[in-house]
Structure formats: C-alpha cells, structure tokens
C-alpha cells in the first residue's frame, strides 16, 4: 500500500479456493504432498509464501492487512480440508504458519507405517480389481506417487514390473513384450492400451 491510497490485495479477490486447489486434504488419504504443491503454488502466485515459510513479508503491507491475509490463508486451508481433519486442527494454530507446521507434522509422522500400507496395496493391485486399463494404470501410478511423497521413491522400472505382474493371463503376450523391452511407464501403458 503506497501513500494515502489503499489498494486491495489480489488475494482478497479469490472467491472459491476449491477451484484453485481441488484436492480435499484428508488424514485418511495420502495426497498431502499434492495438496502442499497446489497450495504453495497458489500462495506463490499471490506473493504470500511468507505466511507459511516464515520469510519476511513484502514491504508496503501494513500490519492490519498482514493479519487479514494470515486469516485468509487459514480460511483457505480449512476450506480445502475434510471436516474431520479441520475439526482436529481447528485450534492448533493462531497463525497460518503454525497451522501449516501442525499439518506438516500430522502428515509426515508415521511415514514408515503409512508407506508399508501403501506398498502392500501397490504389490497386491491386480488388473481384475479395476474397471479398465486406464483405471488400473492410474491406481498404480497414484500409489507409486503417494509412496514417493512419503520418501519411498518408486522408479519407472519398478512401476512397469508391477504393471505387468498384475495382469491376467490373457495379456501374457503384451506382458512379455513389455518385460523384454522395459519401456517407460507411459510407453508400457500405451502398449497395454493398444492390446
């Protein structure tokens, strides 16, 4: 804000945060890192990262506007959470940074157990349990991404091997071709689709 003329910060013009951050943060799901990515991207777009990372706010924003922006950021967080999670963390922080840090601790604790559960789902997912080739491939990729988010990276070759391992016998020919050529996951998915 410069001089006597006050201008409204662009963040106050956001009317529906859910259209910008379509992931609903839920403790029962492992989409925390995707939610963080989208949330940080939104804050970066509005020059508000300082609200969650502890950096110095831009000059020219008065103390009252800073308080309003902080409250707005917390409202955005609450609006993109499942109700159970929101009720769990509702009073956990008086600032956006405190709330952000609490969420990080909540989702980053117990990584080993969560990764073990996801790994089990990953290795036990079978094509017959899915509605289509795309559904099967999307579920495998989603589980792999969620494992990576928990610091258990999944490389492309392992993903391709699991893709083949979950196929039915009727796909043996394409499975054999995929195993021999060991293409990227996207290429293997394309070959499976063609079959």
N, C-alpha and C. Protein backbone atom coordinates (compact mmCIF):
# COMPACT_ATOMS: atom_id res chain seq x y z
N UNK A 1 0.84 -1.16 0.00
CA UNK A 1 0.00 0.00 0.00
C UNK A 1 0.90 1.24 0.00
N UNK A 2 0.72 2.10 -0.93
CA UNK A 2 1.58 3.27 -1.02
C UNK A 2 0.78 4.53 -0.77
N UNK A 3 1.41 5.48 -0.09
CA UNK A 3 0.77 6.77 0.15
C UNK A 3 -0.53 6.64 0.91
N UNK A 4 -1.43 7.55 0.66
CA UNK A 4 -2.73 7.54 1.34
C UNK A 4 -3.73 6.62 0.65
N UNK A 5 -3.45 6.27 -0.58
CA UNK A 5 -4.38 5.45 -1.33
C UNK A 5 -4.14 3.97 -1.03
N UNK A 6 -5.14 3.29 -0.50
CA UNK A 6 -5.02 1.88 -0.19
C UNK A 6 -5.58 1.06 -1.36
N UNK A 7 -4.86 0.00 -1.67
CA UNK A 7 -5.35 -0.91 -2.70
C UNK A 7 -5.60 -2.26 -2.06
N UNK A 8 -6.57 -2.94 -2.57
CA UNK A 8 -6.93 -4.25 -2.06
C UNK A 8 -5.93 -5.28 -2.57
N UNK A 9 -5.42 -6.11 -1.69
CA UNK A 9 -4.50 -7.17 -2.10
C UNK A 9 -5.27 -8.15 -2.99
N UNK A 10 -4.66 -8.61 -4.08
CA UNK A 10 -5.35 -9.52 -5.02
C UNK A 10 -5.87 -10.80 -4.38
N UNK A 11 -5.27 -11.23 -3.28
CA UNK A 11 -5.71 -12.45 -2.62
C UNK A 11 -7.16 -12.34 -2.13
N UNK A 12 -7.57 -11.14 -1.78
CA UNK A 12 -8.93 -10.95 -1.28
C UNK A 12 -9.98 -11.13 -2.38
N UNK A 13 -9.55 -11.17 -3.63
CA UNK A 13 -10.48 -11.34 -4.74
C UNK A 13 -10.79 -12.82 -5.02
N UNK A 14 -10.07 -13.74 -4.38
CA UNK A 14 -10.32 -15.17 -4.58
C UNK A 14 -11.64 -15.52 -3.91
N UNK A 15 -12.58 -15.98 -4.72
CA UNK A 15 -13.91 -16.27 -4.18
C UNK A 15 -14.14 -17.75 -3.89
N UNK A 16 -13.41 -18.64 -4.58
CA UNK A 16 -13.60 -20.06 -4.35
C UNK A 16 -12.25 -20.77 -4.46
N UNK A 17 -11.62 -20.96 -3.33
CA UNK A 17 -10.30 -21.58 -3.30
C UNK A 17 -10.34 -23.02 -3.80
N UNK A 18 -11.48 -23.68 -3.69
CA UNK A 18 -11.60 -25.09 -4.10
C UNK A 18 -11.43 -25.27 -5.60
N UNK A 19 -11.67 -24.23 -6.38
CA UNK A 19 -11.44 -24.35 -7.82
C UNK A 19 -9.95 -24.27 -8.12
N UNK A 20 -9.20 -23.63 -7.26
CA UNK A 20 -7.75 -23.49 -7.46
C UNK A 20 -6.98 -24.63 -6.80
N UNK A 21 -7.53 -25.16 -5.72
CA UNK A 21 -6.93 -26.29 -5.02
C UNK A 21 -8.01 -27.36 -4.90
N UNK A 22 -8.16 -28.19 -5.95
CA UNK A 22 -9.28 -29.14 -5.99
C UNK A 22 -9.09 -30.38 -5.12
N UNK A 23 -7.94 -30.52 -4.46
CA UNK A 23 -7.70 -31.68 -3.60
C UNK A 23 -8.23 -31.38 -2.21
N UNK A 24 -9.01 -32.30 -1.68
CA UNK A 24 -9.52 -32.16 -0.33
C UNK A 24 -8.55 -32.90 0.60
N UNK A 25 -7.87 -32.15 1.44
CA UNK A 25 -6.89 -32.74 2.35
C UNK A 25 -7.61 -33.57 3.40
N UNK A 26 -7.23 -34.83 3.49
CA UNK A 26 -7.90 -35.76 4.38
C UNK A 26 -6.84 -36.65 5.02
N UNK A 27 -6.92 -36.84 6.31
CA UNK A 27 -5.94 -37.66 7.03
C UNK A 27 -6.00 -39.11 6.57
N UNK A 28 -7.14 -39.53 6.01
CA UNK A 28 -7.31 -40.91 5.57
C UNK A 28 -6.72 -41.15 4.18
N UNK A 29 -6.34 -40.08 3.51
CA UNK A 29 -5.76 -40.18 2.17
C UNK A 29 -4.31 -39.72 2.22
N UNK A 30 -3.54 -40.12 1.26
CA UNK A 30 -2.14 -39.71 1.21
C UNK A 30 -1.91 -38.76 0.04
N UNK A 31 -2.65 -37.68 0.04
CA UNK A 31 -2.49 -36.69 -1.01
C UNK A 31 -1.92 -35.39 -0.46
N UNK A 32 -1.28 -35.49 0.70
CA UNK A 32 -0.75 -34.30 1.36
C UNK A 32 0.24 -33.54 0.47
N UNK A 33 1.20 -34.24 -0.14
CA UNK A 33 2.21 -33.53 -0.92
C UNK A 33 1.61 -32.87 -2.16
N UNK A 34 0.59 -33.48 -2.74
CA UNK A 34 -0.08 -32.84 -3.88
C UNK A 34 -0.82 -31.59 -3.42
N UNK A 35 -1.46 -31.68 -2.26
CA UNK A 35 -2.15 -30.53 -1.69
C UNK A 35 -1.15 -29.41 -1.39
N UNK A 36 -0.03 -29.77 -0.79
CA UNK A 36 1.01 -28.79 -0.47
C UNK A 36 1.50 -28.11 -1.74
N UNK A 37 1.76 -28.90 -2.78
CA UNK A 37 2.24 -28.34 -4.04
C UNK A 37 1.27 -27.30 -4.58
N UNK A 38 -0.02 -27.65 -4.64
CA UNK A 38 -1.03 -26.72 -5.17
C UNK A 38 -1.21 -25.50 -4.26
N UNK A 39 -1.17 -25.73 -2.95
CA UNK A 39 -1.35 -24.62 -2.02
C UNK A 39 -0.19 -23.64 -2.12
N UNK A 40 1.03 -24.18 -2.15
CA UNK A 40 2.21 -23.30 -2.27
C UNK A 40 2.20 -22.57 -3.61
N UNK A 41 1.78 -23.24 -4.65
CA UNK A 41 1.69 -22.60 -5.96
C UNK A 41 0.71 -21.42 -5.91
N UNK A 42 -0.42 -21.63 -5.26
CA UNK A 42 -1.41 -20.56 -5.13
C UNK A 42 -0.84 -19.40 -4.31
N UNK A 43 -0.19 -19.71 -3.20
CA UNK A 43 0.39 -18.65 -2.38
C UNK A 43 1.50 -17.91 -3.13
N UNK A 44 2.29 -18.64 -3.88
CA UNK A 44 3.35 -18.01 -4.67
C UNK A 44 2.76 -17.06 -5.70
N UNK A 45 1.68 -17.47 -6.33
CA UNK A 45 1.01 -16.64 -7.33
C UNK A 45 0.55 -15.31 -6.73
N UNK A 46 0.19 -15.34 -5.46
CA UNK A 46 -0.30 -14.12 -4.78
C UNK A 46 0.78 -13.48 -3.90
N UNK A 47 2.02 -13.94 -4.04
CA UNK A 47 3.14 -13.39 -3.26
C UNK A 47 2.87 -13.48 -1.76
N UNK A 48 2.38 -14.66 -1.33
CA UNK A 48 2.02 -14.86 0.07
C UNK A 48 2.77 -16.02 0.74
N UNK A 49 3.80 -16.54 0.11
CA UNK A 49 4.53 -17.66 0.70
C UNK A 49 5.07 -17.32 2.09
N UNK A 50 5.34 -16.07 2.34
CA UNK A 50 5.86 -15.64 3.64
C UNK A 50 4.94 -16.04 4.79
N UNK A 51 3.65 -16.23 4.49
CA UNK A 51 2.69 -16.59 5.53
C UNK A 51 2.93 -17.98 6.10
N UNK A 52 3.54 -18.88 5.30
CA UNK A 52 3.75 -20.25 5.77
C UNK A 52 5.22 -20.62 5.94
N UNK A 53 6.13 -19.86 5.32
CA UNK A 53 7.54 -20.26 5.41
C UNK A 53 8.37 -19.41 6.35
N UNK A 54 7.76 -18.42 6.96
CA UNK A 54 8.47 -17.61 7.94
C UNK A 54 9.38 -16.54 7.37
N UNK A 55 9.36 -16.33 6.06
CA UNK A 55 10.18 -15.28 5.46
C UNK A 55 9.56 -13.91 5.73
N UNK A 56 10.30 -12.89 5.44
CA UNK A 56 9.86 -11.52 5.69
C UNK A 56 8.78 -11.13 4.68
N UNK A 57 7.68 -10.55 5.17
CA UNK A 57 6.63 -10.09 4.25
C UNK A 57 7.14 -8.97 3.35
N UNK A 58 6.54 -8.82 2.18
CA UNK A 58 6.94 -7.72 1.30
C UNK A 58 6.71 -6.38 2.00
N UNK A 59 7.54 -5.42 1.68
CA UNK A 59 7.37 -4.09 2.26
C UNK A 59 6.11 -3.45 1.68
N UNK A 60 5.53 -2.59 2.44
CA UNK A 60 4.35 -1.89 1.94
C UNK A 60 3.03 -2.49 2.35
N UNK A 61 3.06 -3.62 3.07
CA UNK A 61 1.82 -4.20 3.57
C UNK A 61 1.72 -3.86 5.04
N UNK A 62 0.68 -3.14 5.41
CA UNK A 62 0.55 -2.72 6.81
C UNK A 62 0.16 -3.90 7.71
N UNK A 63 0.31 -3.71 9.02
CA UNK A 63 0.09 -4.77 10.00
C UNK A 63 -1.33 -5.30 9.95
N UNK A 64 -2.32 -4.44 9.76
CA UNK A 64 -3.71 -4.88 9.70
C UNK A 64 -3.95 -5.78 8.48
N UNK A 65 -3.40 -5.39 7.35
CA UNK A 65 -3.55 -6.20 6.13
C UNK A 65 -2.84 -7.54 6.31
N UNK A 66 -1.69 -7.55 6.98
CA UNK A 66 -0.97 -8.80 7.24
C UNK A 66 -1.85 -9.75 8.07
N UNK A 67 -2.51 -9.22 9.08
CA UNK A 67 -3.40 -10.05 9.90
C UNK A 67 -4.56 -10.60 9.07
N UNK A 68 -5.11 -9.76 8.20
CA UNK A 68 -6.22 -10.19 7.35
C UNK A 68 -5.75 -11.27 6.35
N UNK A 69 -4.56 -11.09 5.79
CA UNK A 69 -4.03 -12.08 4.85
C UNK A 69 -3.75 -13.40 5.55
N UNK A 70 -3.25 -13.32 6.77
CA UNK A 70 -2.99 -14.53 7.55
C UNK A 70 -4.31 -15.27 7.82
N UNK A 71 -5.34 -14.53 8.20
CA UNK A 71 -6.65 -15.15 8.44
C UNK A 71 -7.21 -15.75 7.15
N UNK A 72 -7.02 -15.05 6.05
CA UNK A 72 -7.49 -15.55 4.76
C UNK A 72 -6.78 -16.85 4.40
N UNK A 73 -5.48 -16.91 4.63
CA UNK A 73 -4.71 -18.12 4.34
C UNK A 73 -5.21 -19.29 5.18
N UNK A 74 -5.48 -19.05 6.46
CA UNK A 74 -6.03 -20.12 7.31
C UNK A 74 -7.40 -20.55 6.82
N UNK A 75 -8.22 -19.60 6.39
CA UNK A 75 -9.53 -19.96 5.83
C UNK A 75 -9.38 -20.83 4.60
N UNK A 76 -8.40 -20.50 3.74
CA UNK A 76 -8.15 -21.32 2.56
C UNK A 76 -7.77 -22.74 2.97
N UNK A 77 -6.93 -22.86 3.98
CA UNK A 77 -6.53 -24.19 4.45
C UNK A 77 -7.75 -24.96 4.93
N UNK A 78 -8.55 -24.33 5.79
CA UNK A 78 -9.73 -25.01 6.31
C UNK A 78 -10.72 -25.37 5.21
N UNK A 79 -10.84 -24.52 4.22
CA UNK A 79 -11.78 -24.77 3.11
C UNK A 79 -11.36 -25.94 2.24
N UNK A 80 -10.10 -26.30 2.29
CA UNK A 80 -9.61 -27.39 1.44
C UNK A 80 -9.28 -28.64 2.27
N UNK A 81 -9.89 -28.75 3.44
CA UNK A 81 -9.71 -29.92 4.32
C UNK A 81 -11.02 -30.67 4.48
N UNK A 82 -10.88 -31.96 4.71
CA UNK A 82 -12.05 -32.76 5.10
C UNK A 82 -12.50 -32.29 6.48
N UNK A 83 -13.77 -32.44 6.76
CA UNK A 83 -14.33 -31.92 8.01
C UNK A 83 -13.63 -32.51 9.23
N UNK A 84 -13.38 -33.81 9.24
CA UNK A 84 -12.73 -34.45 10.39
C UNK A 84 -11.36 -33.85 10.65
N UNK A 85 -10.60 -33.63 9.59
CA UNK A 85 -9.27 -33.04 9.75
C UNK A 85 -9.39 -31.60 10.23
N UNK A 86 -10.32 -30.86 9.66
CA UNK A 86 -10.50 -29.47 10.07
C UNK A 86 -10.81 -29.39 11.56
N UNK A 87 -11.69 -30.25 12.04
CA UNK A 87 -12.03 -30.24 13.46
C UNK A 87 -10.84 -30.63 14.32
N UNK A 88 -9.98 -31.47 13.80
CA UNK A 88 -8.78 -31.89 14.53
C UNK A 88 -7.79 -30.75 14.70
N UNK A 89 -7.63 -29.93 13.67
CA UNK A 89 -6.60 -28.89 13.69
C UNK A 89 -7.15 -27.48 13.87
N UNK A 90 -8.45 -27.36 14.06
CA UNK A 90 -9.10 -26.05 14.08
C UNK A 90 -8.43 -25.05 15.01
N UNK A 91 -8.07 -25.46 16.19
CA UNK A 91 -7.49 -24.52 17.15
C UNK A 91 -6.01 -24.78 17.37
N UNK A 92 -5.35 -25.40 16.39
CA UNK A 92 -3.94 -25.77 16.57
C UNK A 92 -2.98 -24.64 16.28
N UNK A 93 -3.44 -23.59 15.67
CA UNK A 93 -2.52 -22.50 15.35
C UNK A 93 -3.22 -21.17 15.26
N UNK A 94 -2.58 -20.18 15.82
CA UNK A 94 -3.14 -18.83 15.76
C UNK A 94 -2.67 -18.09 14.52
N UNK A 95 -1.72 -18.68 13.80
CA UNK A 95 -1.24 -18.09 12.56
C UNK A 95 -1.27 -19.15 11.47
N UNK A 96 -1.19 -18.71 10.23
CA UNK A 96 -1.14 -19.65 9.11
C UNK A 96 0.09 -20.53 9.21
N UNK A 97 1.22 -19.97 9.62
CA UNK A 97 2.46 -20.76 9.74
C UNK A 97 2.32 -21.84 10.80
N UNK A 98 1.73 -21.51 11.95
CA UNK A 98 1.53 -22.52 13.00
C UNK A 98 0.62 -23.64 12.51
N UNK A 99 -0.43 -23.29 11.81
CA UNK A 99 -1.35 -24.30 11.26
C UNK A 99 -0.63 -25.15 10.21
N UNK A 100 0.13 -24.50 9.34
CA UNK A 100 0.89 -25.18 8.29
C UNK A 100 1.87 -26.19 8.92
N UNK A 101 2.59 -25.74 9.94
CA UNK A 101 3.57 -26.61 10.61
C UNK A 101 2.88 -27.78 11.29
N UNK A 102 1.71 -27.52 11.88
CA UNK A 102 0.96 -28.59 12.53
C UNK A 102 0.51 -29.64 11.51
N UNK A 103 0.02 -29.18 10.38
CA UNK A 103 -0.40 -30.12 9.33
C UNK A 103 0.78 -30.94 8.83
N UNK A 104 1.91 -30.28 8.65
CA UNK A 104 3.11 -30.99 8.19
C UNK A 104 3.48 -32.10 9.17
N UNK A 105 3.49 -31.77 10.45
CA UNK A 105 3.82 -32.77 11.46
C UNK A 105 2.81 -33.91 11.45
N UNK A 106 1.55 -33.56 11.35
CA UNK A 106 0.48 -34.55 11.35
C UNK A 106 0.62 -35.53 10.18
N UNK A 107 0.94 -35.01 9.00
CA UNK A 107 1.01 -35.86 7.81
C UNK A 107 2.37 -36.52 7.62
N UNK A 108 3.41 -35.96 8.19
CA UNK A 108 4.73 -36.54 8.00
C UNK A 108 5.11 -37.53 9.10
N UNK A 109 4.37 -37.53 10.20
CA UNK A 109 4.61 -38.52 11.25
C UNK A 109 4.20 -39.90 10.74
N UNK A 110 4.82 -40.90 11.28
CA UNK A 110 4.41 -42.28 10.99
C UNK A 110 4.55 -42.65 9.52
N UNK A 111 5.57 -42.11 8.88
CA UNK A 111 5.78 -42.37 7.45
C UNK A 111 5.96 -43.86 7.16
N UNK A 112 6.71 -44.53 8.02
CA UNK A 112 7.01 -45.95 7.78
C UNK A 112 5.77 -46.81 7.70
N UNK A 113 4.87 -46.64 8.66
CA UNK A 113 3.64 -47.43 8.67
C UNK A 113 2.76 -47.12 7.47
N UNK A 114 2.67 -45.83 7.15
CA UNK A 114 1.84 -45.45 6.01
C UNK A 114 2.42 -45.97 4.71
N UNK A 115 3.76 -45.93 4.61
CA UNK A 115 4.41 -46.44 3.41
C UNK A 115 4.22 -47.96 3.29
N UNK A 116 4.28 -48.65 4.41
CA UNK A 116 4.08 -50.11 4.39
C UNK A 116 2.68 -50.46 3.90
N UNK A 117 1.69 -49.72 4.34
CA UNK A 117 0.31 -49.95 3.90
C UNK A 117 0.17 -49.70 2.40
N UNK A 118 0.75 -48.59 1.94
CA UNK A 118 0.68 -48.28 0.51
C UNK A 118 1.44 -49.30 -0.33
N UNK A 119 2.59 -49.73 0.16
CA UNK A 119 3.38 -50.74 -0.56
C UNK A 119 2.58 -52.02 -0.72
N UNK A 120 1.88 -52.42 0.33
CA UNK A 120 1.04 -53.61 0.26
C UNK A 120 -0.06 -53.45 -0.79
N UNK A 121 -0.71 -52.29 -0.80
CA UNK A 121 -1.73 -52.03 -1.81
C UNK A 121 -1.13 -52.06 -3.21
N UNK A 122 0.07 -51.50 -3.34
CA UNK A 122 0.74 -51.42 -4.64
C UNK A 122 1.04 -52.82 -5.20
N UNK A 123 1.64 -53.67 -4.39
CA UNK A 123 2.02 -55.01 -4.89
C UNK A 123 0.83 -55.94 -5.04
N UNK A 124 -0.26 -55.65 -4.36
CA UNK A 124 -1.43 -56.52 -4.44
C UNK A 124 -2.49 -56.05 -5.42
N UNK A 125 -2.29 -54.88 -6.04
CA UNK A 125 -3.26 -54.39 -7.01
C UNK A 125 -3.21 -55.24 -8.28
N UNK A 126 -4.35 -55.71 -8.69
CA UNK A 126 -4.46 -56.55 -9.88
C UNK A 126 -5.40 -55.88 -10.89
N UNK A 127 -5.14 -56.15 -12.14
CA UNK A 127 -5.96 -55.60 -13.22
C UNK A 127 -7.43 -55.98 -13.06
N UNK A 128 -7.70 -57.21 -12.60
CA UNK A 128 -9.08 -57.67 -12.46
C UNK A 128 -9.86 -56.87 -11.43
N UNK A 129 -9.15 -56.19 -10.53
CA UNK A 129 -9.81 -55.38 -9.49
C UNK A 129 -10.19 -53.99 -9.98
N UNK A 130 -9.86 -53.69 -11.24
CA UNK A 130 -10.07 -52.35 -11.77
C UNK A 130 -11.09 -52.36 -12.90
N UNK A 131 -11.64 -51.19 -13.17
CA UNK A 131 -12.71 -51.08 -14.17
C UNK A 131 -12.19 -51.09 -15.60
N UNK A 132 -10.94 -50.68 -15.80
CA UNK A 132 -10.40 -50.59 -17.16
C UNK A 132 -8.88 -50.54 -17.09
N UNK A 133 -8.25 -50.56 -18.26
CA UNK A 133 -6.79 -50.42 -18.33
C UNK A 133 -6.38 -49.08 -17.73
N UNK A 134 -7.09 -48.03 -18.09
CA UNK A 134 -6.74 -46.71 -17.56
C UNK A 134 -6.90 -46.64 -16.05
N UNK A 135 -7.96 -47.23 -15.54
CA UNK A 135 -8.19 -47.25 -14.10
C UNK A 135 -7.05 -47.98 -13.39
N UNK A 136 -6.66 -49.13 -13.92
CA UNK A 136 -5.56 -49.92 -13.36
C UNK A 136 -4.26 -49.12 -13.37
N UNK A 137 -3.94 -48.54 -14.50
CA UNK A 137 -2.71 -47.77 -14.63
C UNK A 137 -2.72 -46.52 -13.74
N UNK A 138 -3.85 -45.86 -13.66
CA UNK A 138 -3.96 -44.67 -12.80
C UNK A 138 -3.78 -45.03 -11.33
N UNK A 139 -4.37 -46.14 -10.90
CA UNK A 139 -4.25 -46.56 -9.50
C UNK A 139 -2.81 -46.92 -9.16
N UNK A 140 -2.15 -47.64 -10.07
CA UNK A 140 -0.74 -47.98 -9.84
C UNK A 140 0.11 -46.72 -9.71
N UNK A 141 -0.08 -45.81 -10.64
CA UNK A 141 0.70 -44.57 -10.65
C UNK A 141 0.41 -43.74 -9.41
N UNK A 142 -0.84 -43.68 -9.00
CA UNK A 142 -1.21 -42.93 -7.81
C UNK A 142 -0.54 -43.51 -6.56
N UNK A 143 -0.56 -44.83 -6.44
CA UNK A 143 0.09 -45.47 -5.29
C UNK A 143 1.60 -45.20 -5.31
N UNK A 144 2.20 -45.28 -6.49
CA UNK A 144 3.64 -45.01 -6.61
C UNK A 144 3.95 -43.56 -6.23
N UNK A 145 3.13 -42.64 -6.68
CA UNK A 145 3.32 -41.22 -6.34
C UNK A 145 3.18 -40.99 -4.84
N UNK A 146 2.21 -41.64 -4.25
CA UNK A 146 1.99 -41.47 -2.81
C UNK A 146 3.16 -42.05 -2.02
N UNK A 147 3.74 -43.16 -2.48
CA UNK A 147 4.93 -43.71 -1.83
C UNK A 147 6.11 -42.75 -1.96
N UNK A 148 6.25 -42.16 -3.12
CA UNK A 148 7.32 -41.18 -3.33
C UNK A 148 7.13 -39.99 -2.40
N UNK A 149 5.90 -39.57 -2.23
CA UNK A 149 5.60 -38.46 -1.32
C UNK A 149 6.01 -38.76 0.11
N UNK A 150 6.03 -40.03 0.48
CA UNK A 150 6.42 -40.42 1.83
C UNK A 150 7.91 -40.76 1.91
N UNK A 151 8.66 -40.31 0.91
CA UNK A 151 10.12 -40.54 0.84
C UNK A 151 10.48 -42.00 0.60
N UNK A 152 9.64 -42.71 -0.11
CA UNK A 152 9.91 -44.06 -0.57
C UNK A 152 9.76 -44.05 -2.09
N UNK A 153 10.77 -43.52 -2.77
CA UNK A 153 10.65 -43.31 -4.22
C UNK A 153 10.45 -44.60 -5.00
N UNK A 154 9.65 -44.49 -6.01
CA UNK A 154 9.32 -45.62 -6.87
C UNK A 154 9.85 -45.28 -8.26
N UNK A 155 10.82 -46.05 -8.75
CA UNK A 155 11.34 -45.74 -10.08
C UNK A 155 10.45 -46.34 -11.16
N UNK A 156 10.66 -45.87 -12.38
CA UNK A 156 9.84 -46.26 -13.52
C UNK A 156 9.88 -47.76 -13.78
N UNK A 157 11.05 -48.36 -13.64
CA UNK A 157 11.18 -49.81 -13.91
C UNK A 157 10.36 -50.63 -12.93
N UNK A 158 10.39 -50.24 -11.68
CA UNK A 158 9.60 -50.97 -10.69
C UNK A 158 8.11 -50.83 -10.99
N UNK A 159 7.72 -49.67 -11.43
CA UNK A 159 6.32 -49.41 -11.78
C UNK A 159 5.91 -50.28 -12.98
N UNK A 160 6.77 -50.38 -13.97
CA UNK A 160 6.49 -51.21 -15.15
C UNK A 160 6.39 -52.68 -14.76
N UNK A 161 7.31 -53.13 -13.91
CA UNK A 161 7.28 -54.53 -13.47
C UNK A 161 5.98 -54.84 -12.74
N UNK A 162 5.55 -53.93 -11.87
CA UNK A 162 4.30 -54.16 -11.15
C UNK A 162 3.10 -54.10 -12.09
N UNK A 163 3.17 -53.23 -13.08
CA UNK A 163 2.11 -53.17 -14.09
C UNK A 163 1.93 -54.53 -14.74
N UNK A 164 3.03 -55.14 -15.12
CA UNK A 164 2.99 -56.46 -15.78
C UNK A 164 2.56 -57.55 -14.80
N UNK A 165 3.06 -57.49 -13.57
CA UNK A 165 2.74 -58.53 -12.59
C UNK A 165 1.26 -58.61 -12.25
N UNK A 166 0.55 -57.51 -12.38
CA UNK A 166 -0.85 -57.50 -12.03
C UNK A 166 -1.79 -57.88 -13.16
N UNK A 167 -1.23 -58.19 -14.32
CA UNK A 167 -2.06 -58.52 -15.49
C UNK A 167 -2.56 -59.96 -15.45
N UNK A 168 -3.69 -60.18 -16.11
CA UNK A 168 -4.24 -61.53 -16.24
C UNK A 168 -3.49 -62.28 -17.34
N UNK A 169 -3.71 -63.60 -17.39
CA UNK A 169 -3.03 -64.46 -18.36
C UNK A 169 -3.30 -64.05 -19.80
N UNK A 170 -4.48 -63.55 -20.07
CA UNK A 170 -4.82 -63.17 -21.44
C UNK A 170 -3.93 -62.05 -21.98
N UNK A 171 -3.21 -61.39 -21.11
CA UNK A 171 -2.29 -60.32 -21.52
C UNK A 171 -0.82 -60.79 -21.53
N UNK A 172 -0.59 -62.09 -21.51
CA UNK A 172 0.77 -62.64 -21.45
C UNK A 172 1.65 -62.17 -22.61
N UNK A 173 1.09 -62.07 -23.79
CA UNK A 173 1.89 -61.67 -24.96
C UNK A 173 2.40 -60.25 -24.81
N UNK A 174 1.52 -59.32 -24.51
CA UNK A 174 1.95 -57.93 -24.35
C UNK A 174 2.82 -57.79 -23.10
N UNK A 175 2.52 -58.56 -22.06
CA UNK A 175 3.32 -58.51 -20.84
C UNK A 175 4.75 -58.96 -21.12
N UNK A 176 4.88 -60.00 -21.91
CA UNK A 176 6.21 -60.49 -22.27
C UNK A 176 6.98 -59.46 -23.10
N UNK A 177 6.29 -58.83 -24.03
CA UNK A 177 6.93 -57.79 -24.85
C UNK A 177 7.36 -56.61 -23.99
N UNK A 178 6.51 -56.21 -23.06
CA UNK A 178 6.85 -55.08 -22.17
C UNK A 178 8.06 -55.44 -21.31
N UNK A 179 8.07 -56.66 -20.77
CA UNK A 179 9.20 -57.07 -19.92
C UNK A 179 10.51 -57.10 -20.71
N UNK A 180 10.46 -57.55 -21.95
CA UNK A 180 11.68 -57.64 -22.76
C UNK A 180 12.22 -56.27 -23.14
N UNK A 181 11.33 -55.36 -23.49
CA UNK A 181 11.79 -54.04 -23.94
C UNK A 181 11.95 -53.05 -22.80
N UNK A 182 11.32 -53.32 -21.67
CA UNK A 182 11.34 -52.48 -20.47
C UNK A 182 11.23 -50.99 -20.82
N UNK A 183 10.10 -50.60 -21.40
CA UNK A 183 9.89 -49.19 -21.78
C UNK A 183 9.59 -48.34 -20.55
N UNK A 184 9.39 -47.07 -20.76
CA UNK A 184 8.95 -46.19 -19.68
C UNK A 184 7.54 -46.61 -19.28
N UNK A 185 7.10 -46.12 -18.14
CA UNK A 185 5.76 -46.47 -17.68
C UNK A 185 4.70 -45.98 -18.66
N UNK A 186 4.86 -44.77 -19.15
CA UNK A 186 3.88 -44.23 -20.10
C UNK A 186 3.82 -45.05 -21.38
N UNK A 187 4.99 -45.49 -21.86
CA UNK A 187 5.03 -46.32 -23.07
C UNK A 187 4.39 -47.68 -22.81
N UNK A 188 4.67 -48.27 -21.64
CA UNK A 188 4.07 -49.56 -21.28
C UNK A 188 2.56 -49.44 -21.18
N UNK A 189 2.11 -48.35 -20.62
CA UNK A 189 0.67 -48.10 -20.51
C UNK A 189 0.04 -48.00 -21.91
N UNK A 190 0.72 -47.32 -22.79
CA UNK A 190 0.23 -47.17 -24.15
C UNK A 190 0.16 -48.53 -24.86
N UNK A 191 1.18 -49.35 -24.66
CA UNK A 191 1.19 -50.69 -25.28
C UNK A 191 0.06 -51.54 -24.73
N UNK A 192 -0.18 -51.43 -23.44
CA UNK A 192 -1.26 -52.20 -22.83
C UNK A 192 -2.61 -51.73 -23.34
N UNK A 193 -2.75 -50.43 -23.51
CA UNK A 193 -3.99 -49.88 -24.06
C UNK A 193 -4.25 -50.40 -25.46
N UNK A 194 -3.20 -50.43 -26.28
CA UNK A 194 -3.32 -50.89 -27.65
C UNK A 194 -3.75 -52.35 -27.69
N UNK A 195 -3.25 -53.14 -26.76
CA UNK A 195 -3.60 -54.56 -26.69
C UNK A 195 -5.08 -54.71 -26.37
